[in-house]
N, C-alpha and C. Protein backbone atom coordinates (compact mmCIF):
# COMPACT_ATOMS: atom_id res chain seq x y z
N MET A 1 12.86 13.70 -15.00
CA MET A 1 13.66 12.96 -13.65
C MET A 1 12.28 12.72 -12.35
N GLN A 2 12.60 11.70 -12.00
CA GLN A 2 11.66 12.03 -10.63
C GLN A 2 12.47 12.02 -9.30
N ARG A 3 11.33 13.12 -8.75
CA ARG A 3 12.08 13.12 -7.08
C ARG A 3 13.08 11.66 -6.62
N GLY A 4 13.86 12.49 -5.87
CA GLY A 4 14.51 11.51 -5.54
C GLY A 4 15.24 10.77 -5.62
N ARG A 5 15.47 10.78 -7.38
CA ARG A 5 16.03 9.51 -8.40
C ARG A 5 17.58 10.51 -8.89
N ARG A 6 18.82 9.98 -8.75
CA ARG A 6 19.74 10.12 -9.47
C ARG A 6 20.13 9.79 -10.54
N ASP A 7 20.53 10.21 -10.98
CA ASP A 7 20.97 9.94 -12.84
C ASP A 7 22.46 10.22 -13.01
N ARG A 8 23.67 8.97 -12.97
CA ARG A 8 24.67 9.70 -13.19
C ARG A 8 25.38 8.82 -14.77
N ARG A 9 25.79 9.78 -15.08
CA ARG A 9 26.38 9.68 -16.40
C ARG A 9 27.69 9.29 -16.63
N ALA A 10 28.53 8.59 -17.03
CA ALA A 10 29.63 9.03 -17.57
C ALA A 10 30.15 7.69 -17.85
N PRO A 11 30.67 8.07 -19.51
CA PRO A 11 30.87 6.99 -20.55
C PRO A 11 31.91 6.87 -20.37
N SER A 12 32.00 5.15 -20.58
CA SER A 12 33.47 3.92 -20.26
C SER A 12 34.63 4.50 -20.83
N PRO A 13 35.75 4.35 -19.97
CA PRO A 13 36.77 5.34 -20.16
C PRO A 13 37.21 4.03 -21.35
N SER A 14 37.26 2.84 -20.81
CA SER A 14 37.56 1.76 -21.89
C SER A 14 37.38 1.79 -23.59
N GLY A 15 35.58 2.27 -23.63
CA GLY A 15 35.29 2.41 -24.89
C GLY A 15 34.06 0.62 -25.22
N SER A 16 34.38 0.06 -24.20
CA SER A 16 33.86 -1.08 -24.00
C SER A 16 32.67 -0.78 -22.84
N VAL A 17 31.79 -1.77 -22.69
CA VAL A 17 30.53 -1.76 -21.91
C VAL A 17 30.40 -2.89 -21.02
N GLU A 18 31.89 -3.37 -21.59
CA GLU A 18 31.23 -4.83 -20.93
C GLU A 18 32.09 -4.36 -19.07
N PRO A 19 31.20 -4.83 -18.34
CA PRO A 19 32.13 -3.83 -16.91
C PRO A 19 33.07 -5.22 -15.98
N SER A 20 33.90 -4.53 -15.88
CA SER A 20 35.12 -5.19 -15.44
C SER A 20 35.07 -5.80 -13.95
N LEU A 21 35.67 -6.57 -13.45
CA LEU A 21 35.38 -6.76 -12.05
C LEU A 21 35.12 -5.87 -11.65
N SER A 22 36.20 -5.13 -11.01
CA SER A 22 36.47 -4.11 -9.83
C SER A 22 34.68 -3.06 -10.42
N ASP A 23 34.17 -3.11 -11.24
CA ASP A 23 33.07 -2.37 -11.81
C ASP A 23 31.71 -2.85 -11.16
N ARG A 24 31.32 -4.66 -11.15
CA ARG A 24 31.10 -5.41 -10.20
C ARG A 24 30.85 -5.44 -9.13
N LYS A 25 32.26 -5.71 -8.49
CA LYS A 25 32.47 -5.09 -6.99
C LYS A 25 31.56 -3.82 -6.23
N LEU A 26 32.53 -2.72 -7.06
CA LEU A 26 31.91 -1.55 -6.12
C LEU A 26 30.57 -1.27 -6.54
N THR A 27 29.74 -1.81 -7.10
CA THR A 27 28.11 -1.75 -7.16
C THR A 27 27.57 -2.42 -6.31
N LYS A 28 28.02 -3.76 -5.67
CA LYS A 28 27.23 -4.77 -4.73
C LYS A 28 28.15 -3.74 -3.51
N THR A 29 29.07 -3.45 -3.87
CA THR A 29 28.97 -2.55 -2.38
C THR A 29 28.68 -1.29 -1.79
N ILE A 30 28.24 -0.81 -3.33
CA ILE A 30 27.29 0.48 -3.29
C ILE A 30 25.62 -0.08 -3.26
N LYS A 31 25.64 -1.15 -3.77
CA LYS A 31 23.97 -1.91 -3.27
C LYS A 31 24.01 -1.38 -2.08
N ASP A 32 24.94 -2.80 -1.93
CA ASP A 32 24.81 -3.12 0.46
C ASP A 32 24.35 -1.98 1.24
N THR A 33 25.22 -0.92 1.08
CA THR A 33 25.39 0.35 1.50
C THR A 33 24.19 0.85 1.53
N LEU A 34 23.48 0.75 0.44
CA LEU A 34 22.94 1.90 0.17
C LEU A 34 21.81 1.14 0.91
N THR A 35 21.32 0.21 0.87
CA THR A 35 20.02 -1.27 1.67
C THR A 35 20.32 -0.33 3.24
N VAL A 36 21.28 -0.34 4.19
CA VAL A 36 20.92 -0.26 4.94
C VAL A 36 20.94 1.66 5.52
N ILE A 37 20.84 1.77 4.53
CA ILE A 37 20.05 3.54 4.78
C ILE A 37 18.18 3.21 3.92
N ASP A 38 18.10 2.07 3.53
CA ASP A 38 16.56 1.81 2.94
C ASP A 38 16.32 2.58 1.45
N VAL A 39 16.93 2.27 0.79
CA VAL A 39 17.52 2.79 -0.96
C VAL A 39 18.27 1.78 -1.25
N VAL A 40 16.65 1.56 -2.33
CA VAL A 40 17.21 0.22 -3.77
C VAL A 40 17.77 1.03 -4.72
N LEU A 41 18.56 -0.02 -4.71
CA LEU A 41 19.72 0.59 -6.48
C LEU A 41 18.98 -0.08 -7.33
N LEU A 42 18.66 0.76 -8.13
CA LEU A 42 17.48 -0.55 -9.02
C LEU A 42 18.45 -0.53 -10.98
N ASP A 43 19.00 -0.19 -10.85
CA ASP A 43 20.26 -0.17 -11.78
C ASP A 43 21.19 0.61 -12.22
N HIS A 44 22.28 -0.53 -12.58
CA HIS A 44 23.63 0.58 -12.93
C HIS A 44 24.39 0.16 -14.75
N PHE A 45 24.07 1.15 -14.79
CA PHE A 45 24.60 0.78 -16.21
C PHE A 45 26.02 1.71 -16.85
N VAL A 46 26.89 0.62 -17.84
CA VAL A 46 28.00 1.06 -18.69
C VAL A 46 27.54 1.04 -20.26
N VAL A 47 28.28 2.92 -20.96
CA VAL A 47 27.71 3.30 -21.60
C VAL A 47 29.13 3.36 -22.18
N SER A 48 28.55 2.36 -23.40
CA SER A 48 30.10 3.49 -25.03
C SER A 48 29.23 4.27 -25.79
N HIS A 49 29.67 4.34 -26.91
CA HIS A 49 29.61 5.60 -28.69
C HIS A 49 28.38 5.10 -28.86
N ASN A 50 28.34 3.28 -28.49
CA ASN A 50 26.40 3.03 -29.19
C ASN A 50 26.21 2.31 -28.93
N GLU A 51 26.41 1.58 -27.45
CA GLU A 51 25.77 0.56 -26.91
C GLU A 51 26.01 0.62 -25.61
N ILE A 52 24.99 0.01 -24.80
CA ILE A 52 25.02 0.12 -23.49
C ILE A 52 24.91 -1.51 -22.59
N CYS A 53 25.34 -1.40 -21.29
CA CYS A 53 24.75 -2.59 -20.74
C CYS A 53 23.98 -2.39 -19.20
N LEU A 54 22.85 -2.87 -19.15
CA LEU A 54 22.72 -2.76 -18.02
C LEU A 54 22.73 -3.87 -17.08
N PHE A 55 23.17 -3.73 -15.36
CA PHE A 55 23.85 -4.75 -14.62
C PHE A 55 22.00 -5.07 -14.49
N ALA A 56 21.14 -4.49 -13.72
CA ALA A 56 19.95 -5.15 -14.09
C ALA A 56 19.44 -6.45 -14.62
N ARG A 57 19.56 -6.11 -16.17
CA ARG A 57 19.11 -7.03 -17.29
C ARG A 57 20.49 -8.51 -17.56
N GLN A 58 21.39 -7.76 -17.11
CA GLN A 58 22.22 -9.05 -17.18
C GLN A 58 22.21 -9.97 -15.84
N GLY A 59 21.41 -9.35 -14.77
CA GLY A 59 21.10 -10.23 -13.16
C GLY A 59 21.99 -10.15 -12.05
N TRP A 60 23.25 -8.65 -12.69
CA TRP A 60 24.12 -8.50 -11.52
C TRP A 60 23.48 -8.02 -10.25
N LEU A 61 21.91 -7.64 -10.69
CA LEU A 61 21.69 -6.71 -9.24
C LEU A 61 20.56 -7.36 -8.53
């Protein structure tokens, strides 16, 4: 892992990779907050046992 990068992984509690509206709102809040301190959020992803949803790929970042 590159210095300064953070990787936080936790499986989706529902087992679904479809982000909820609150997931999307929280991600936007985090992204906007990090912008204040010049940190760029590259992606946020939801993981299940055999699927992954990447916010950047969906155009949500």
